[in-house]
Amino acid sequence: MESKPDEPGSGSASATRLIVFYVALAVLTAVVSFVVIKKGADEKPQPAIAAGYDASAPNPCLGEPARPAKAVTLPSTAPAQAPPSGPSFDL
């Protein structure tokens, strides 16, 4: 049985529609990419903070500063270690 050109699912008509769809999708993607890249071309990064944040005192944004961890008692065979001097992270 031969397929007629006006039947749904006919080979050449559906292939043509699929090609048109992909070409339109490619054009739309290119236009959106161009607009987004053009819009962000004049953006500048935030300036770096030279010394970071000092979390040694209470700060309403950062909350209470971390308390130094208590020293763990080590067995007598372990080498002596200095107690931690403060929080183990750097904001």
PDB file of N, CA and C in Angstrom:
ATOM      1  N   MET A   1       0.843  -1.181   0.000  1.00  0.00           N
ATOM      2  CA  MET A   1       0.000   0.000   0.000  1.00  0.00           C
ATOM      3  C   MET A   1       0.888   1.244   0.000  1.00  0.00           C
ATOM      4  N   GLU A   2       0.619   2.142  -0.904  1.00  0.00           N
ATOM      5  CA  GLU A   2       1.399   3.363  -1.017  1.00  0.00           C
ATOM      6  C   GLU A   2       0.821   4.436  -0.101  1.00  0.00           C
ATOM      7  N   SER A   3       1.723   5.299   0.456  1.00  0.00           N
ATOM      8  CA  SER A   3       1.217   6.389   1.294  1.00  0.00           C
ATOM      9  C   SER A   3       1.000   7.619   0.429  1.00  0.00           C
ATOM     10  N   LYS A   4      -0.071   8.299   0.694  1.00  0.00           N
ATOM     11  CA  LYS A   4      -0.388   9.502  -0.066  1.00  0.00           C
ATOM     12  C   LYS A   4       0.306  10.693   0.604  1.00  0.00           C
ATOM     13  N   PRO A   5       0.698  11.716  -0.166  1.00  0.00           N
ATOM     14  CA  PRO A   5       1.415  12.857   0.403  1.00  0.00           C
ATOM     15  C   PRO A   5       0.613  13.625   1.457  1.00  0.00           C
ATOM     16  N   ASP A   6      -0.718  13.606   1.394  1.00  0.00           N
ATOM     17  CA  ASP A   6      -1.502  14.388   2.352  1.00  0.00           C
ATOM     18  C   ASP A   6      -1.862  13.591   3.601  1.00  0.00           C
ATOM     19  N   GLU A   7      -1.454  12.321   3.681  1.00  0.00           N
ATOM     20  CA  GLU A   7      -1.734  11.527   4.871  1.00  0.00           C
ATOM     21  C   GLU A   7      -0.770  11.894   5.994  1.00  0.00           C
ATOM     22  N   PRO A   8      -1.261  11.851   7.232  1.00  0.00           N
ATOM     23  CA  PRO A   8      -0.345  12.093   8.351  1.00  0.00           C
ATOM     24  C   PRO A   8       0.714  11.008   8.397  1.00  0.00           C
ATOM     25  N   GLY A   9       1.923  11.416   8.678  1.00  0.00           N
ATOM     26  CA  GLY A   9       3.010  10.459   8.766  1.00  0.00           C
ATOM     27  C   GLY A   9       3.646  10.123   7.444  1.00  0.00           C
ATOM     28  N   SER A  10       3.293  10.834   6.384  1.00  0.00           N
ATOM     29  CA  SER A  10       3.934  10.553   5.103  1.00  0.00           C
ATOM     30  C   SER A  10       5.390  10.997   5.187  1.00  0.00           C
ATOM     31  N   GLY A  11       6.249  10.313   4.498  1.00  0.00           N
ATOM     32  CA  GLY A  11       7.686  10.491   4.627  1.00  0.00           C
ATOM     33  C   GLY A  11       8.209  11.884   4.352  1.00  0.00           C
ATOM     34  N   SER A  12       7.965  12.416   3.172  1.00  0.00           N
ATOM     35  CA  SER A  12       8.574  13.688   2.793  1.00  0.00           C
ATOM     36  C   SER A  12       7.948  14.878   3.514  1.00  0.00           C
ATOM     37  N   ALA A  13       6.641  14.842   3.762  1.00  0.00           N
ATOM     38  CA  ALA A  13       5.985  15.970   4.425  1.00  0.00           C
ATOM     39  C   ALA A  13       6.424  16.074   5.883  1.00  0.00           C
ATOM     40  N   SER A  14       6.503  14.948   6.587  1.00  0.00           N
ATOM     41  CA  SER A  14       6.915  15.009   7.991  1.00  0.00           C
ATOM     42  C   SER A  14       8.397  15.342   8.100  1.00  0.00           C
ATOM     43  N   ALA A  15       9.203  14.880   7.154  1.00  0.00           N
ATOM     44  CA  ALA A  15      10.625  15.205   7.172  1.00  0.00           C
ATOM     45  C   ALA A  15      10.830  16.698   6.952  1.00  0.00           C
ATOM     46  N   THR A  16      10.043  17.284   6.058  1.00  0.00           N
ATOM     47  CA  THR A  16      10.150  18.722   5.796  1.00  0.00           C
ATOM     48  C   THR A  16       9.751  19.521   7.028  1.00  0.00           C
ATOM     49  N   ARG A  17       8.665  19.124   7.677  1.00  0.00           N
ATOM     50  CA  ARG A  17       8.233  19.830   8.890  1.00  0.00           C
ATOM     51  C   ARG A  17       9.281  19.704   9.992  1.00  0.00           C
ATOM     52  N   LEU A  18       9.897  18.548  10.108  1.00  0.00           N
ATOM     53  CA  LEU A  18      10.921  18.335  11.125  1.00  0.00           C
ATOM     54  C   LEU A  18      12.149  19.198  10.845  1.00  0.00           C
ATOM     55  N   ILE A  19      12.537  19.285   9.590  1.00  0.00           N
ATOM     56  CA  ILE A  19      13.673  20.140   9.215  1.00  0.00           C
ATOM     57  C   ILE A  19      13.359  21.598   9.516  1.00  0.00           C
ATOM     58  N   VAL A  20      12.165  22.045   9.167  1.00  0.00           N
ATOM     59  CA  VAL A  20      11.766  23.431   9.443  1.00  0.00           C
ATOM     60  C   VAL A  20      11.766  23.687  10.951  1.00  0.00           C
ATOM     61  N   PHE A  21      11.277  22.722  11.725  1.00  0.00           N
ATOM     62  CA  PHE A  21      11.255  22.875  13.187  1.00  0.00           C
ATOM     63  C   PHE A  21      12.667  23.037  13.736  1.00  0.00           C
ATOM     64  N   TYR A  22      13.598  22.189  13.307  1.00  0.00           N
ATOM     65  CA  TYR A  22      14.963  22.273  13.811  1.00  0.00           C
ATOM     66  C   TYR A  22      15.672  23.547  13.360  1.00  0.00           C
ATOM     67  N   VAL A  23      15.409  24.009  12.155  1.00  0.00           N
ATOM     68  CA  VAL A  23      15.998  25.271  11.695  1.00  0.00           C
ATOM     69  C   VAL A  23      15.449  26.437  12.530  1.00  0.00           C
ATOM     70  N   ALA A  24      14.135  26.439  12.776  1.00  0.00           N
ATOM     71  CA  ALA A  24      13.547  27.500  13.593  1.00  0.00           C
ATOM     72  C   ALA A  24      14.091  27.442  15.025  1.00  0.00           C
ATOM     73  N   LEU A  25      14.265  26.250  15.562  1.00  0.00           N
ATOM     74  CA  LEU A  25      14.820  26.097  16.906  1.00  0.00           C
ATOM     75  C   LEU A  25      16.260  26.593  16.964  1.00  0.00           C
ATOM     76  N   ALA A  26      17.046  26.310  15.944  1.00  0.00           N
ATOM     77  CA  ALA A  26      18.433  26.779  15.898  1.00  0.00           C
ATOM     78  C   ALA A  26      18.496  28.304  15.811  1.00  0.00           C
ATOM     79  N   VAL A  27      17.616  28.902  14.997  1.00  0.00           N
ATOM     80  CA  VAL A  27      17.587  30.360  14.869  1.00  0.00           C
ATOM     81  C   VAL A  27      17.166  30.995  16.197  1.00  0.00           C
ATOM     82  N   LEU A  28      16.156  30.431  16.838  1.00  0.00           N
ATOM     83  CA  LEU A  28      15.706  30.960  18.121  1.00  0.00           C
ATOM     84  C   LEU A  28      16.801  30.850  19.182  1.00  0.00           C
ATOM     85  N   THR A  29      17.510  29.730  19.209  1.00  0.00           N
ATOM     86  CA  THR A  29      18.611  29.559  20.156  1.00  0.00           C
ATOM     87  C   THR A  29      19.718  30.567  19.897  1.00  0.00           C
ATOM     88  N   ALA A  30      20.046  30.801  18.644  1.00  0.00           N
ATOM     89  CA  ALA A  30      21.094  31.766  18.306  1.00  0.00           C
ATOM     90  C   ALA A  30      20.689  33.183  18.704  1.00  0.00           C
ATOM     91  N   VAL A  31      19.439  33.545  18.480  1.00  0.00           N
ATOM     92  CA  VAL A  31      18.973  34.890  18.829  1.00  0.00           C
ATOM     93  C   VAL A  31      18.990  35.092  20.344  1.00  0.00           C
ATOM     94  N   VAL A  32      18.492  34.111  21.093  1.00  0.00           N
ATOM     95  CA  VAL A  32      18.477  34.232  22.549  1.00  0.00           C
ATOM     96  C   VAL A  32      19.902  34.279  23.084  1.00  0.00           C
ATOM     97  N   SER A  33      20.792  33.452  22.567  1.00  0.00           N
ATOM     98  CA  SER A  33      22.190  33.469  23.006  1.00  0.00           C
ATOM     99  C   SER A  33      22.828  34.821  22.725  1.00  0.00           C
ATOM    100  N   PHE A  34      22.583  35.377  21.552  1.00  0.00           N
ATOM    101  CA  PHE A  34      23.145  36.674  21.196  1.00  0.00           C
ATOM    102  C   PHE A  34      22.650  37.767  22.143  1.00  0.00           C
ATOM    103  N   VAL A  35      21.356  37.764  22.441  1.00  0.00           N
ATOM    104  CA  VAL A  35      20.789  38.795  23.323  1.00  0.00           C
ATOM    105  C   VAL A  35      21.354  38.669  24.732  1.00  0.00           C
ATOM    106  N   VAL A  36      21.462  37.455  25.241  1.00  0.00           N
ATOM    107  CA  VAL A  36      21.968  37.257  26.602  1.00  0.00           C
ATOM    108  C   VAL A  36      23.441  37.647  26.695  1.00  0.00           C
ATOM    109  N   ILE A  37      24.236  37.256  25.716  1.00  0.00           N
ATOM    110  CA  ILE A  37      25.659  37.601  25.740  1.00  0.00           C
ATOM    111  C   ILE A  37      25.840  39.100  25.585  1.00  0.00           C
ATOM    112  N   LYS A  38      25.076  39.724  24.713  1.00  0.00           N
ATOM    113  CA  LYS A  38      25.180  41.170  24.513  1.00  0.00           C
ATOM    114  C   LYS A  38      24.774  41.926  25.781  1.00  0.00           C
ATOM    115  N   LYS A  39      23.750  41.429  26.473  1.00  0.00           N
ATOM    116  CA  LYS A  39      23.267  42.093  27.691  1.00  0.00           C
ATOM    117  C   LYS A  39      24.313  42.031  28.800  1.00  0.00           C
ATOM    118  N   GLY A  40      25.070  40.944  28.887  1.00  0.00           N
ATOM    119  CA  GLY A  40      26.038  40.795  29.955  1.00  0.00           C
ATOM    120  C   GLY A  40      27.425  41.302  29.618  1.00  0.00           C
ATOM    121  N   ALA A  41      27.616  41.870  28.441  1.00  0.00           N
ATOM    122  CA  ALA A  41      28.951  42.309  28.028  1.00  0.00           C
ATOM    123  C   ALA A  41      29.470  43.475  28.857  1.00  0.00           C
ATOM    124  N   ASP A  42      28.596  44.325  29.369  1.00  0.00           N
ATOM    125  CA  ASP A  42      29.052  45.493  30.124  1.00  0.00           C
ATOM    126  C   ASP A  42      29.017  45.273  31.635  1.00  0.00           C
ATOM    127  N   GLU A  43      28.767  44.053  32.082  1.00  0.00           N
ATOM    128  CA  GLU A  43      28.729  43.762  33.512  1.00  0.00           C
ATOM    129  C   GLU A  43      30.149  43.694  34.061  1.00  0.00           C
ATOM    130  N   LYS A  44      30.317  44.173  35.286  1.00  0.00           N
ATOM    131  CA  LYS A  44      31.607  44.137  35.966  1.00  0.00           C
ATOM    132  C   LYS A  44      31.492  43.239  37.194  1.00  0.00           C
ATOM    133  N   PRO A  45      32.560  42.528  37.569  1.00  0.00           N
ATOM    134  CA  PRO A  45      32.501  41.680  38.755  1.00  0.00           C
ATOM    135  C   PRO A  45      32.511  42.514  40.030  1.00  0.00           C
ATOM    136  N   GLN A  46      32.053  41.923  41.115  1.00  0.00           N
ATOM    137  CA  GLN A  46      32.096  42.591  42.405  1.00  0.00           C
ATOM    138  C   GLN A  46      33.544  42.753  42.838  1.00  0.00           C
ATOM    139  N   PRO A  47      33.887  43.857  43.491  1.00  0.00           N
ATOM    140  CA  PRO A  47      35.266  44.018  43.955  1.00  0.00           C
ATOM    141  C   PRO A  47      35.572  43.004  45.062  1.00  0.00           C
ATOM    142  N   ALA A  48      36.807  42.545  45.089  1.00  0.00           N
ATOM    143  CA  ALA A  48      37.224  41.586  46.101  1.00  0.00           C
ATOM    144  C   ALA A  48      37.430  42.310  47.429  1.00  0.00           C
ATOM    145  N   ILE A  49      37.091  41.633  48.501  1.00  0.00           N
ATOM    146  CA  ILE A  49      37.336  42.182  49.833  1.00  0.00           C
ATOM    147  C   ILE A  49      38.741  41.767  50.214  1.00  0.00           C
ATOM    148  N   ALA A  50      39.595  42.741  50.508  1.00  0.00           N
ATOM    149  CA  ALA A  50      41.009  42.463  50.712  1.00  0.00           C
ATOM    150  C   ALA A  50      41.274  41.522  51.875  1.00  0.00           C
ATOM    151  N   ALA A  51      40.685  41.775  53.021  1.00  0.00           N
ATOM    152  CA  ALA A  51      41.032  40.991  54.206  1.00  0.00           C
ATOM    153  C   ALA A  51      39.952  39.994  54.568  1.00  0.00           C
ATOM    154  N   GLY A  52      38.873  39.917  53.855  1.00  0.00           N
ATOM    155  CA  GLY A  52      37.797  39.009  54.206  1.00  0.00           C
ATOM    156  C   GLY A  52      36.988  39.575  55.366  1.00  0.00           C
ATOM    157  N   TYR A  53      36.260  38.720  56.034  1.00  0.00           N
ATOM    158  CA  TYR A  53      35.447  39.131  57.166  1.00  0.00           C
ATOM    159  C   TYR A  53      36.132  38.718  58.457  1.00  0.00           C
ATOM    160  N   ASP A  54      36.012  39.543  59.468  1.00  0.00           N
ATOM    161  CA  ASP A  54      36.559  39.220  60.775  1.00  0.00           C
ATOM    162  C   ASP A  54      35.414  38.723  61.638  1.00  0.00           C
ATOM    163  N   ALA A  55      35.436  37.443  61.974  1.00  0.00           N
ATOM    164  CA  ALA A  55      34.349  36.850  62.751  1.00  0.00           C
ATOM    165  C   ALA A  55      34.752  36.648  64.207  1.00  0.00           C
ATOM    166  N   SER A  56      35.603  37.534  64.741  1.00  0.00           N
ATOM    167  CA  SER A  56      36.037  37.366  66.120  1.00  0.00           C
ATOM    168  C   SER A  56      35.053  37.994  67.105  1.00  0.00           C
ATOM    169  N   ALA A  57      34.134  38.809  66.634  1.00  0.00           N
ATOM    170  CA  ALA A  57      33.136  39.445  67.499  1.00  0.00           C
ATOM    171  C   ALA A  57      31.747  39.118  66.944  1.00  0.00           C
ATOM    172  N   PRO A  58      30.699  39.240  67.772  1.00  0.00           N
ATOM    173  CA  PRO A  58      29.346  38.977  67.265  1.00  0.00           C
ATOM    174  C   PRO A  58      29.017  39.884  66.084  1.00  0.00           C
ATOM    175  N   ASN A  59      28.391  39.313  65.095  1.00  0.00           N
ATOM    176  CA  ASN A  59      28.024  40.038  63.892  1.00  0.00           C
ATOM    177  C   ASN A  59      26.583  39.659  63.571  1.00  0.00           C
ATOM    178  N   PRO A  60      25.697  40.660  63.352  1.00  0.00           N
ATOM    179  CA  PRO A  60      24.299  40.312  63.091  1.00  0.00           C
ATOM    180  C   PRO A  60      24.107  39.486  61.814  1.00  0.00           C
ATOM    181  N   CYS A  61      24.991  39.613  60.860  1.00  0.00           N
ATOM    182  CA  CYS A  61      24.856  38.845  59.627  1.00  0.00           C
ATOM    183  C   CYS A  61      25.421  37.435  59.761  1.00  0.00           C
ATOM    184  N   LEU A  62      26.499  37.292  60.505  1.00  0.00           N
ATOM    185  CA  LEU A  62      27.180  36.009  60.609  1.00  0.00           C
ATOM    186  C   LEU A  62      26.805  35.238  61.861  1.00  0.00           C
ATOM    187  N   GLY A  63      26.193  35.891  62.840  1.00  0.00           N
ATOM    188  CA  GLY A  63      25.833  35.216  64.081  1.00  0.00           C
ATOM    189  C   GLY A  63      26.991  35.216  65.058  1.00  0.00           C
ATOM    190  N   GLU A  64      26.874  34.379  66.061  1.00  0.00           N
ATOM    191  CA  GLU A  64      27.922  34.290  67.080  1.00  0.00           C
ATOM    192  C   GLU A  64      29.185  33.683  66.483  1.00  0.00           C
ATOM    193  N   PRO A  65      30.354  34.176  66.928  1.00  0.00           N
ATOM    194  CA  PRO A  65      31.585  33.567  66.423  1.00  0.00           C
ATOM    195  C   PRO A  65      31.742  32.153  66.983  1.00  0.00           C
ATOM    196  N   ALA A  66      32.414  31.326  66.235  1.00  0.00           N
ATOM    197  CA  ALA A  66      32.630  29.947  66.667  1.00  0.00           C
ATOM    198  C   ALA A  66      33.573  29.935  67.861  1.00  0.00           C
ATOM    199  N   ARG A  67      33.260  29.084  68.811  1.00  0.00           N
ATOM    200  CA  ARG A  67      34.127  28.952  69.981  1.00  0.00           C
ATOM    201  C   ARG A  67      35.210  27.943  69.648  1.00  0.00           C
ATOM    202  N   PRO A  68      36.408  28.183  70.183  1.00  0.00           N
ATOM    203  CA  PRO A  68      37.478  27.207  69.940  1.00  0.00           C
ATOM    204  C   PRO A  68      37.099  25.850  70.529  1.00  0.00           C
ATOM    205  N   ALA A  69      37.465  24.803  69.833  1.00  0.00           N
ATOM    206  CA  ALA A  69      37.169  23.454  70.300  1.00  0.00           C
ATOM    207  C   ALA A  69      38.012  23.148  71.526  1.00  0.00           C
ATOM    208  N   LYS A  70      37.440  22.354  72.430  1.00  0.00           N
ATOM    209  CA  LYS A  70      38.192  21.963  73.613  1.00  0.00           C
ATOM    210  C   LYS A  70      39.285  20.987  73.198  1.00  0.00           C
ATOM    211  N   ALA A  71      40.399  21.097  73.869  1.00  0.00           N
ATOM    212  CA  ALA A  71      41.518  20.217  73.564  1.00  0.00           C
ATOM    213  C   ALA A  71      41.173  18.792  73.979  1.00  0.00           C
ATOM    214  N   VAL A  72      41.513  17.859  73.144  1.00  0.00           N
ATOM    215  CA  VAL A  72      41.269  16.450  73.426  1.00  0.00           C
ATOM    216  C   VAL A  72      42.460  15.915  74.202  1.00  0.00           C
ATOM    217  N   THR A  73      42.200  15.202  75.256  1.00  0.00           N
ATOM    218  CA  THR A  73      43.311  14.624  76.012  1.00  0.00           C
ATOM    219  C   THR A  73      43.882  13.455  75.222  1.00  0.00           C
ATOM    220  N   LEU A  74      45.171  13.505  74.994  1.00  0.00           N
ATOM    221  CA  LEU A  74      45.851  12.490  74.212  1.00  0.00           C
ATOM    222  C   LEU A  74      46.602  11.547  75.141  1.00  0.00           C
ATOM    223  N   PRO A  75      46.820  10.326  74.706  1.00  0.00           N
ATOM    224  CA  PRO A  75      47.617   9.421  75.532  1.00  0.00           C
ATOM    225  C   PRO A  75      49.048   9.935  75.682  1.00  0.00           C
ATOM    226  N   SER A  76      49.736   9.465  76.673  1.00  0.00           N
ATOM    227  CA  SER A  76      51.078   9.981  76.972  1.00  0.00           C
ATOM    228  C   SER A  76      52.066   9.693  75.852  1.00  0.00           C
ATOM    229  N   THR A  77      51.769   8.754  74.966  1.00  0.00           N
ATOM    230  CA  THR A  77      52.701   8.435  73.882  1.00  0.00           C
ATOM    231  C   THR A  77      52.544   9.376  72.691  1.00  0.00           C
ATOM    232  N   ALA A  78      51.464  10.122  72.644  1.00  0.00           N
ATOM    233  CA  ALA A  78      51.236  11.023  71.514  1.00  0.00           C
ATOM    234  C   ALA A  78      52.053  12.297  71.691  1.00  0.00           C
ATOM    235  N   PRO A  79      52.541  12.879  70.597  1.00  0.00           N
ATOM    236  CA  PRO A  79      53.284  14.136  70.720  1.00  0.00           C
ATOM    237  C   PRO A  79      52.345  15.271  71.139  1.00  0.00           C
ATOM    238  N   ALA A  80      52.892  16.270  71.804  1.00  0.00           N
ATOM    239  CA  ALA A  80      52.097  17.413  72.261  1.00  0.00           C
ATOM    240  C   ALA A  80      51.668  18.248  71.063  1.00  0.00           C
ATOM    241  N   GLN A  81      50.447  18.738  71.095  1.00  0.00           N
ATOM    242  CA  GLN A  81      49.934  19.589  70.031  1.00  0.00           C
ATOM    243  C   GLN A  81      49.458  20.896  70.637  1.00  0.00           C
ATOM    244  N   ALA A  82      49.619  21.961  69.890  1.00  0.00           N
ATOM    245  CA  ALA A  82      49.150  23.265  70.348  1.00  0.00           C
ATOM    246  C   ALA A  82      47.626  23.275  70.322  1.00  0.00           C
ATOM    247  N   PRO A  83      46.980  23.930  71.301  1.00  0.00           N
ATOM    248  CA  PRO A  83      45.515  24.010  71.267  1.00  0.00           C
ATOM    249  C   PRO A  83      45.063  24.869  70.085  1.00  0.00           C
ATOM    250  N   PRO A  84      43.900  24.625  69.546  1.00  0.00           N
ATOM    251  CA  PRO A  84      43.428  25.432  68.403  1.00  0.00           C
ATOM    252  C   PRO A  84      43.295  26.891  68.813  1.00  0.00           C
ATOM    253  N   SER A  85      43.669  27.768  67.897  1.00  0.00           N
ATOM    254  CA  SER A  85      43.668  29.192  68.213  1.00  0.00           C
ATOM    255  C   SER A  85      42.345  29.866  67.896  1.00  0.00           C
ATOM    256  N   GLY A  86      41.441  29.198  67.256  1.00  0.00           N
ATOM    257  CA  GLY A  86      40.159  29.815  66.904  1.00  0.00           C
ATOM    258  C   GLY A  86      39.404  28.935  65.950  1.00  0.00           C
ATOM    259  N   PRO A  87      38.449  29.504  65.252  1.00  0.00           N
ATOM    260  CA  PRO A  87      37.663  28.692  64.313  1.00  0.00           C
ATOM    261  C   PRO A  87      38.533  28.155  63.183  1.00  0.00           C
ATOM    262  N   SER A  88      38.150  27.003  62.670  1.00  0.00           N
ATOM    263  CA  SER A  88      38.951  26.365  61.635  1.00  0.00           C
ATOM    264  C   SER A  88      38.470  26.718  60.240  1.00  0.00           C
ATOM    265  N   PHE A  89      37.792  27.834  60.086  1.00  0.00           N
ATOM    266  CA  PHE A  89      37.334  28.255  58.767  1.00  0.00           C
ATOM    267  C   PHE A  89      37.632  29.732  58.586  1.00  0.00           C
ATOM    268  N   ASP A  90      37.667  30.153  57.354  1.00  0.00           N
ATOM    269  CA  ASP A  90      37.959  31.542  57.027  1.00  0.00           C
ATOM    270  C   ASP A  90      36.818  32.054  56.165  1.00  0.00           C
ATOM    271  N   LEU A  91      36.140  33.071  56.637  1.00  0.00           N
ATOM    272  CA  LEU A  91      35.069  33.668  55.856  1.00  0.00           C
ATOM    273  C   LEU A  91      35.703  34.653  54.968  1.00  0.00           C
TER     274      LEU A  91
END
